[in-house]
């Protein structure tokens, strides 16, 4: 009765097939991979990797392909910098990897990232807030004709003793002019 046919019933014990026993059940590896993936949100770091020929190494490219599991929903909730997932996707392309070795492309990516952050709220509101369709312009309403004047007999008109200037001031609202030059003089104490 051999219960250890596949190298051991207890996966925590080292076996000939799996000589490594992870002391913290993968927590350290998870944190290291999370930190590395989030570093990819920095175009300067990607430029550093390209300048030092890490992006030309086939093993490193394979590691970048392996790290795409971070795009799955159960892992994406741990990501604080979502640009890292975008750059991780771009790093799968050989043209992007070679282009990031050039300092001008690094600056371009950094500038685009800055402008996205700068205008993020406005860009987001454009897509969140629905805009209603413009309503067709209705023709302006026709001006109402004033009522015809009522004929007044000539004997009813009384000549006014007020001049035209006095009539407009008496009939309309009267606003008093405040002269600020004299306002301060009134407050001064006289000796």
C-alpha atoms as a PDB file:
ATOM      1  CA  UNK A   1       0.000   0.000   0.000  1.00  0.00           C
ATOM      2  CA  UNK A   2       1.963   2.931  -1.370  1.00  0.00           C
ATOM      3  CA  UNK A   3       0.183   6.243  -0.852  1.00  0.00           C
ATOM      4  CA  UNK A   4       3.128   8.302  -2.146  1.00  0.00           C
ATOM      5  CA  UNK A   5       3.023   7.261  -5.816  1.00  0.00           C
ATOM      6  CA  UNK A   6       3.174  10.819  -7.190  1.00  0.00           C
ATOM      7  CA  UNK A   7       5.978  12.029  -4.960  1.00  0.00           C
ATOM      8  CA  UNK A   8       4.152  12.517  -1.669  1.00  0.00           C
ATOM      9  CA  UNK A   9       0.654  12.965  -0.328  1.00  0.00           C
ATOM     10  CA  UNK A  10       1.565  16.220   1.397  1.00  0.00           C
ATOM     11  CA  UNK A  11       2.359  18.968  -1.157  1.00  0.00           C
ATOM     12  CA  UNK A  12       4.143  21.037   1.508  1.00  0.00           C
ATOM     13  CA  UNK A  13       6.871  18.405   1.850  1.00  0.00           C
ATOM     14  CA  UNK A  14       9.656  18.510  -0.734  1.00  0.00           C
ATOM     15  CA  UNK A  15       9.568  15.654  -3.205  1.00  0.00           C
ATOM     16  CA  UNK A  16      11.990  14.514  -5.897  1.00  0.00           C
ATOM     17  CA  UNK A  17       9.786  16.179  -8.566  1.00  0.00           C
ATOM     18  CA  UNK A  18       9.309  19.395  -6.566  1.00  0.00           C
ATOM     19  CA  UNK A  19      12.415  19.985  -4.419  1.00  0.00           C
ATOM     20  CA  UNK A  20      11.370  23.545  -3.460  1.00  0.00           C
ATOM     21  CA  UNK A  21       9.076  24.086  -0.503  1.00  0.00           C
ATOM     22  CA  UNK A  22       7.560  27.555  -0.455  1.00  0.00           C
ATOM     23  CA  UNK A  23       7.573  28.717   3.183  1.00  0.00           C
ATOM     24  CA  UNK A  24       4.896  31.398   2.771  1.00  0.00           C
ATOM     25  CA  UNK A  25       2.649  29.650   0.216  1.00  0.00           C
ATOM     26  CA  UNK A  26       3.549  31.999  -2.650  1.00  0.00           C
ATOM     27  CA  UNK A  27       2.908  35.272  -0.856  1.00  0.00           C
ATOM     28  CA  UNK A  28       6.434  36.567  -1.476  1.00  0.00           C
ATOM     29  CA  UNK A  29       6.290  35.640  -5.162  1.00  0.00           C
ATOM     30  CA  UNK A  30       2.879  37.290  -5.501  1.00  0.00           C
ATOM     31  CA  UNK A  31       4.175  40.532  -3.992  1.00  0.00           C
ATOM     32  CA  UNK A  32       7.321  40.546  -6.135  1.00  0.00           C
ATOM     33  CA  UNK A  33       5.377  39.984  -9.338  1.00  0.00           C
ATOM     34  CA  UNK A  34       2.812  42.608  -8.336  1.00  0.00           C
ATOM     35  CA  UNK A  35       5.577  45.125  -7.690  1.00  0.00           C
ATOM     36  CA  UNK A  36       7.289  44.365 -10.997  1.00  0.00           C
ATOM     37  CA  UNK A  37       4.063  44.603 -12.998  1.00  0.00           C
ATOM     38  CA  UNK A  38       3.237  47.953 -11.390  1.00  0.00           C
ATOM     39  CA  UNK A  39       6.721  49.247 -12.232  1.00  0.00           C
ATOM     40  CA  UNK A  40       5.760  48.818 -15.883  1.00  0.00           C
ATOM     41  CA  UNK A  41       3.436  51.828 -15.516  1.00  0.00           C
ATOM     42  CA  UNK A  42       6.564  54.012 -15.621  1.00  0.00           C
ATOM     43  CA  UNK A  43       7.790  54.708 -19.197  1.00  0.00           C
ATOM     44  CA  UNK A  44      11.231  55.607 -17.817  1.00  0.00           C
ATOM     45  CA  UNK A  45      11.556  52.120 -16.318  1.00  0.00           C
ATOM     46  CA  UNK A  46      10.540  50.512 -19.603  1.00  0.00           C
ATOM     47  CA  UNK A  47      13.149  52.698 -21.329  1.00  0.00           C
ATOM     48  CA  UNK A  48      15.731  51.474 -18.796  1.00  0.00           C
ATOM     49  CA  UNK A  49      14.826  47.856 -19.558  1.00  0.00           C
ATOM     50  CA  UNK A  50      15.144  48.516 -23.291  1.00  0.00           C
ATOM     51  CA  UNK A  51      18.469  50.352 -22.942  1.00  0.00           C
ATOM     52  CA  UNK A  52      19.976  47.503 -20.919  1.00  0.00           C
ATOM     53  CA  UNK A  53      18.776  44.904 -23.450  1.00  0.00           C
ATOM     54  CA  UNK A  54      16.397  43.139 -21.084  1.00  0.00           C
ATOM     55  CA  UNK A  55      13.661  43.451 -23.717  1.00  0.00           C
ATOM     56  CA  UNK A  56      15.854  41.552 -26.228  1.00  0.00           C
ATOM     57  CA  UNK A  57      16.190  38.499 -23.965  1.00  0.00           C
ATOM     58  CA  UNK A  58      13.850  35.648 -24.939  1.00  0.00           C
ATOM     59  CA  UNK A  59      13.524  34.469 -21.323  1.00  0.00           C
ATOM     60  CA  UNK A  60      12.457  37.957 -20.241  1.00  0.00           C
ATOM     61  CA  UNK A  61       9.903  38.170 -23.075  1.00  0.00           C
ATOM     62  CA  UNK A  62       8.529  34.819 -21.916  1.00  0.00           C
ATOM     63  CA  UNK A  63       8.281  36.220 -18.386  1.00  0.00           C
ATOM     64  CA  UNK A  64       6.315  39.198 -19.731  1.00  0.00           C
ATOM     65  CA  UNK A  65       3.922  36.778 -21.461  1.00  0.00           C
ATOM     66  CA  UNK A  66       3.561  34.844 -18.223  1.00  0.00           C
ATOM     67  CA  UNK A  67       2.692  38.055 -16.348  1.00  0.00           C
ATOM     68  CA  UNK A  68      -0.401  38.620 -18.472  1.00  0.00           C
ATOM     69  CA  UNK A  69      -2.393  36.682 -15.901  1.00  0.00           C
ATOM     70  CA  UNK A  70      -2.541  39.989 -13.991  1.00  0.00           C
ATOM     71  CA  UNK A  71      -5.208  41.111 -16.448  1.00  0.00           C
ATOM     72  CA  UNK A  72      -7.670  38.577 -15.071  1.00  0.00           C
ATOM     73  CA  UNK A  73     -10.355  39.987 -12.725  1.00  0.00           C
ATOM     74  CA  UNK A  74      -9.220  38.036  -9.665  1.00  0.00           C
ATOM     75  CA  UNK A  75      -5.766  39.672  -9.896  1.00  0.00           C
ATOM     76  CA  UNK A  76      -6.560  43.071 -11.378  1.00  0.00           C
ATOM     77  CA  UNK A  77      -8.150  44.184  -8.112  1.00  0.00           C
ATOM     78  CA  UNK A  78      -4.657  44.341  -6.563  1.00  0.00           C
ATOM     79  CA  UNK A  79      -3.305  46.716  -9.228  1.00  0.00           C
ATOM     80  CA  UNK A  80      -2.980  50.337  -8.138  1.00  0.00           C
ATOM     81  CA  UNK A  81      -1.591  51.730 -11.418  1.00  0.00           C
ATOM     82  CA  UNK A  82      -3.759  50.521 -14.304  1.00  0.00           C
ATOM     83  CA  UNK A  83      -1.351  51.901 -16.912  1.00  0.00           C
ATOM     84  CA  UNK A  84       0.948  49.008 -16.089  1.00  0.00           C
ATOM     85  CA  UNK A  85      -1.522  46.597 -17.699  1.00  0.00           C
ATOM     86  CA  UNK A  86      -1.653  48.731 -20.828  1.00  0.00           C
ATOM     87  CA  UNK A  87       2.144  48.810 -21.069  1.00  0.00           C
ATOM     88  CA  UNK A  88       2.325  45.074 -20.317  1.00  0.00           C
ATOM     89  CA  UNK A  89       0.080  44.505 -23.331  1.00  0.00           C
ATOM     90  CA  UNK A  90       2.202  46.816 -25.485  1.00  0.00           C
ATOM     91  CA  UNK A  91       5.389  45.037 -24.425  1.00  0.00           C
ATOM     92  CA  UNK A  92       4.133  41.891 -26.162  1.00  0.00           C
ATOM     93  CA  UNK A  93       4.816  43.698 -29.460  1.00  0.00           C
ATOM     94  CA  UNK A  94       8.436  43.594 -30.708  1.00  0.00           C
ATOM     95  CA  UNK A  95       8.115  46.987 -32.428  1.00  0.00           C
ATOM     96  CA  UNK A  96       7.127  48.663 -29.169  1.00  0.00           C
ATOM     97  CA  UNK A  97       9.997  46.989 -27.304  1.00  0.00           C
ATOM     98  CA  UNK A  98      12.563  48.306 -29.797  1.00  0.00           C
ATOM     99  CA  UNK A  99      10.946  51.758 -29.971  1.00  0.00           C
ATOM    100  CA  UNK A 100      11.140  52.244 -26.194  1.00  0.00           C
ATOM    101  CA  UNK A 101      14.946  52.168 -26.411  1.00  0.00           C
ATOM    102  CA  UNK A 102      14.781  55.624 -28.022  1.00  0.00           C
ATOM    103  CA  UNK A 103      14.587  58.513 -25.511  1.00  0.00           C
ATOM    104  CA  UNK A 104      12.116  60.458 -27.676  1.00  0.00           C
ATOM    105  CA  UNK A 105       9.586  57.631 -27.518  1.00  0.00           C
ATOM    106  CA  UNK A 106      10.010  57.426 -23.756  1.00  0.00           C
ATOM    107  CA  UNK A 107       9.252  61.151 -23.484  1.00  0.00           C
ATOM    108  CA  UNK A 108       6.266  60.811 -25.809  1.00  0.00           C
ATOM    109  CA  UNK A 109       4.780  57.998 -23.713  1.00  0.00           C
ATOM    110  CA  UNK A 110       5.436  59.948 -20.523  1.00  0.00           C
ATOM    111  CA  UNK A 111       3.797  63.096 -21.942  1.00  0.00           C
ATOM    112  CA  UNK A 112       0.739  61.187 -23.141  1.00  0.00           C
ATOM    113  CA  UNK A 113       0.405  59.562 -19.749  1.00  0.00           C
ATOM    114  CA  UNK A 114       0.656  62.964 -18.045  1.00  0.00           C
ATOM    115  CA  UNK A 115      -2.026  64.508 -20.260  1.00  0.00           C
ATOM    116  CA  UNK A 116      -4.333  61.568 -19.598  1.00  0.00           C
ATOM    117  CA  UNK A 117      -3.930  62.063 -15.850  1.00  0.00           C
ATOM    118  CA  UNK A 118      -4.289  65.826 -16.160  1.00  0.00           C
ATOM    119  CA  UNK A 119      -7.568  65.587 -18.057  1.00  0.00           C
ATOM    120  CA  UNK A 120      -8.813  62.326 -16.548  1.00  0.00           C
ATOM    121  CA  UNK A 121     -11.819  63.810 -14.767  1.00  0.00           C
ATOM    122  CA  UNK A 122     -13.002  65.782 -17.775  1.00  0.00           C
ATOM    123  CA  UNK A 123     -12.454  62.831 -20.110  1.00  0.00           C
ATOM    124  CA  UNK A 124     -14.329  60.539 -17.748  1.00  0.00           C
ATOM    125  CA  UNK A 125     -17.244  62.939 -17.412  1.00  0.00           C
ATOM    126  CA  UNK A 126     -17.550  63.112 -21.204  1.00  0.00           C
ATOM    127  CA  UNK A 127     -18.151  59.379 -21.313  1.00  0.00           C
ATOM    128  CA  UNK A 128     -20.205  59.050 -18.136  1.00  0.00           C
ATOM    129  CA  UNK A 129     -22.661  61.896 -18.433  1.00  0.00           C
ATOM    130  CA  UNK A 130     -25.141  61.264 -21.221  1.00  0.00           C
ATOM    131  CA  UNK A 131     -25.746  64.124 -23.547  1.00  0.00           C
ATOM    132  CA  UNK A 132     -29.214  64.665 -24.868  1.00  0.00           C
ATOM    133  CA  UNK A 133     -29.659  65.033 -28.583  1.00  0.00           C
ATOM    134  CA  UNK A 134     -30.086  68.599 -29.697  1.00  0.00           C
ATOM    135  CA  UNK A 135     -33.709  69.392 -30.288  1.00  0.00           C
ATOM    136  CA  UNK A 136     -34.616  70.855 -33.656  1.00  0.00           C
ATOM    137  CA  UNK A 137     -34.760  74.603 -33.514  1.00  0.00           C
ATOM    138  CA  UNK A 138     -38.329  75.774 -33.361  1.00  0.00           C
ATOM    139  CA  UNK A 139     -39.179  78.879 -35.372  1.00  0.00           C
ATOM    140  CA  UNK A 140     -39.339  81.949 -33.147  1.00  0.00           C
ATOM    141  CA  UNK A 141     -42.876  82.909 -32.179  1.00  0.00           C
ATOM    142  CA  UNK A 142     -44.379  85.679 -34.252  1.00  0.00           C
ATOM    143  CA  UNK A 143     -44.386  88.970 -32.366  1.00  0.00           C
ATOM    144  CA  UNK A 144     -47.774  89.848 -31.019  1.00  0.00           C
ATOM    145  CA  UNK A 145     -49.242  92.955 -32.530  1.00  0.00           C
ATOM    146  CA  UNK A 146     -49.836  95.718 -30.010  1.00  0.00           C
ATOM    147  CA  UNK A 147     -53.479  96.584 -29.409  1.00  0.00           C
ATOM    148  CA  UNK A 148     -54.683  99.485 -31.511  1.00  0.00           C
ATOM    149  CA  UNK A 149     -54.586 102.803 -29.693  1.00  0.00           C
ATOM    150  CA  UNK A 150     -57.820 103.970 -28.195  1.00  0.00           C
ATOM    151  CA  UNK A 151     -58.859 107.254 -29.747  1.00  0.00           C
ATOM    152  CA  UNK A 152     -58.859 110.035 -27.198  1.00  0.00           C
ATOM    153  CA  UNK A 153     -60.953 113.128 -27.776  1.00  0.00           C
ATOM    154  CA  UNK A 154     -58.924 116.297 -28.234  1.00  0.00           C
ATOM    155  CA  UNK A 155     -60.743 117.999 -25.373  1.00  0.00           C
ATOM    156  CA  UNK A 156     -59.500 115.301 -22.909  1.00  0.00           C
ATOM    157  CA  UNK A 157     -55.769 116.042 -23.438  1.00  0.00           C
ATOM    158  CA  UNK A 158     -54.489 118.261 -20.641  1.00  0.00           C
ATOM    159  CA  UNK A 159     -51.257 120.093 -21.290  1.00  0.00           C
ATOM    160  CA  UNK A 160     -48.593 119.044 -18.815  1.00  0.00           C
ATOM    161  CA  UNK A 161     -46.596 121.543 -16.846  1.00  0.00           C
ATOM    162  CA  UNK A 162     -43.599 119.164 -16.661  1.00  0.00           C
ATOM    163  CA  UNK A 163     -40.793 119.162 -19.201  1.00  0.00           C
ATOM    164  CA  UNK A 164     -40.024 115.920 -21.075  1.00  0.00           C
ATOM    165  CA  UNK A 165     -36.974 115.259 -18.886  1.00  0.00           C
ATOM    166  CA  UNK A 166     -39.009 115.637 -15.739  1.00  0.00           C
ATOM    167  CA  UNK A 167     -41.699 113.318 -17.090  1.00  0.00           C
ATOM    168  CA  UNK A 168     -39.284 110.438 -17.685  1.00  0.00           C
ATOM    169  CA  UNK A 169     -37.723 110.828 -14.270  1.00  0.00           C
ATOM    170  CA  UNK A 170     -41.102 110.968 -12.571  1.00  0.00           C
ATOM    171  CA  UNK A 171     -42.525 107.946 -14.365  1.00  0.00           C
ATOM    172  CA  UNK A 172     -39.508 105.591 -14.295  1.00  0.00           C
ATOM    173  CA  UNK A 173     -37.535 104.224 -11.365  1.00  0.00           C
ATOM    174  CA  UNK A 174     -35.322 106.791  -9.776  1.00  0.00           C
ATOM    175  CA  UNK A 175     -31.820 105.790  -8.825  1.00  0.00           C
ATOM    176  CA  UNK A 176     -29.866 108.090  -6.614  1.00  0.00           C
ATOM    177  CA  UNK A 177     -26.281 108.654  -7.559  1.00  0.00           C
ATOM    178  CA  UNK A 178     -23.858 107.992  -4.745  1.00  0.00           C
ATOM    179  CA  UNK A 179     -20.843 110.234  -4.892  1.00  0.00           C
ATOM    180  CA  UNK A 180     -18.007 108.354  -3.201  1.00  0.00           C
ATOM    181  CA  UNK A 181     -15.709 111.365  -3.243  1.00  0.00           C
ATOM    182  CA  UNK A 182     -17.804 113.163  -0.664  1.00  0.00           C
ATOM    183  CA  UNK A 183     -18.728 110.106   1.395  1.00  0.00           C
ATOM    184  CA  UNK A 184     -15.359 109.966   3.112  1.00  0.00           C
ATOM    185  CA  UNK A 185     -15.344 113.684   3.836  1.00  0.00           C
ATOM    186  CA  UNK A 186     -18.547 113.400   5.828  1.00  0.00           C
ATOM    187  CA  UNK A 187     -17.060 110.816   8.155  1.00  0.00           C
ATOM    188  CA  UNK A 188     -14.057 112.870   9.103  1.00  0.00           C
ATOM    189  CA  UNK A 189     -14.155 114.670  12.384  1.00  0.00           C
ATOM    190  CA  UNK A 190     -14.016 118.375  12.138  1.00  0.00           C
ATOM    191  CA  UNK A 191     -11.941 120.371  14.527  1.00  0.00           C
END
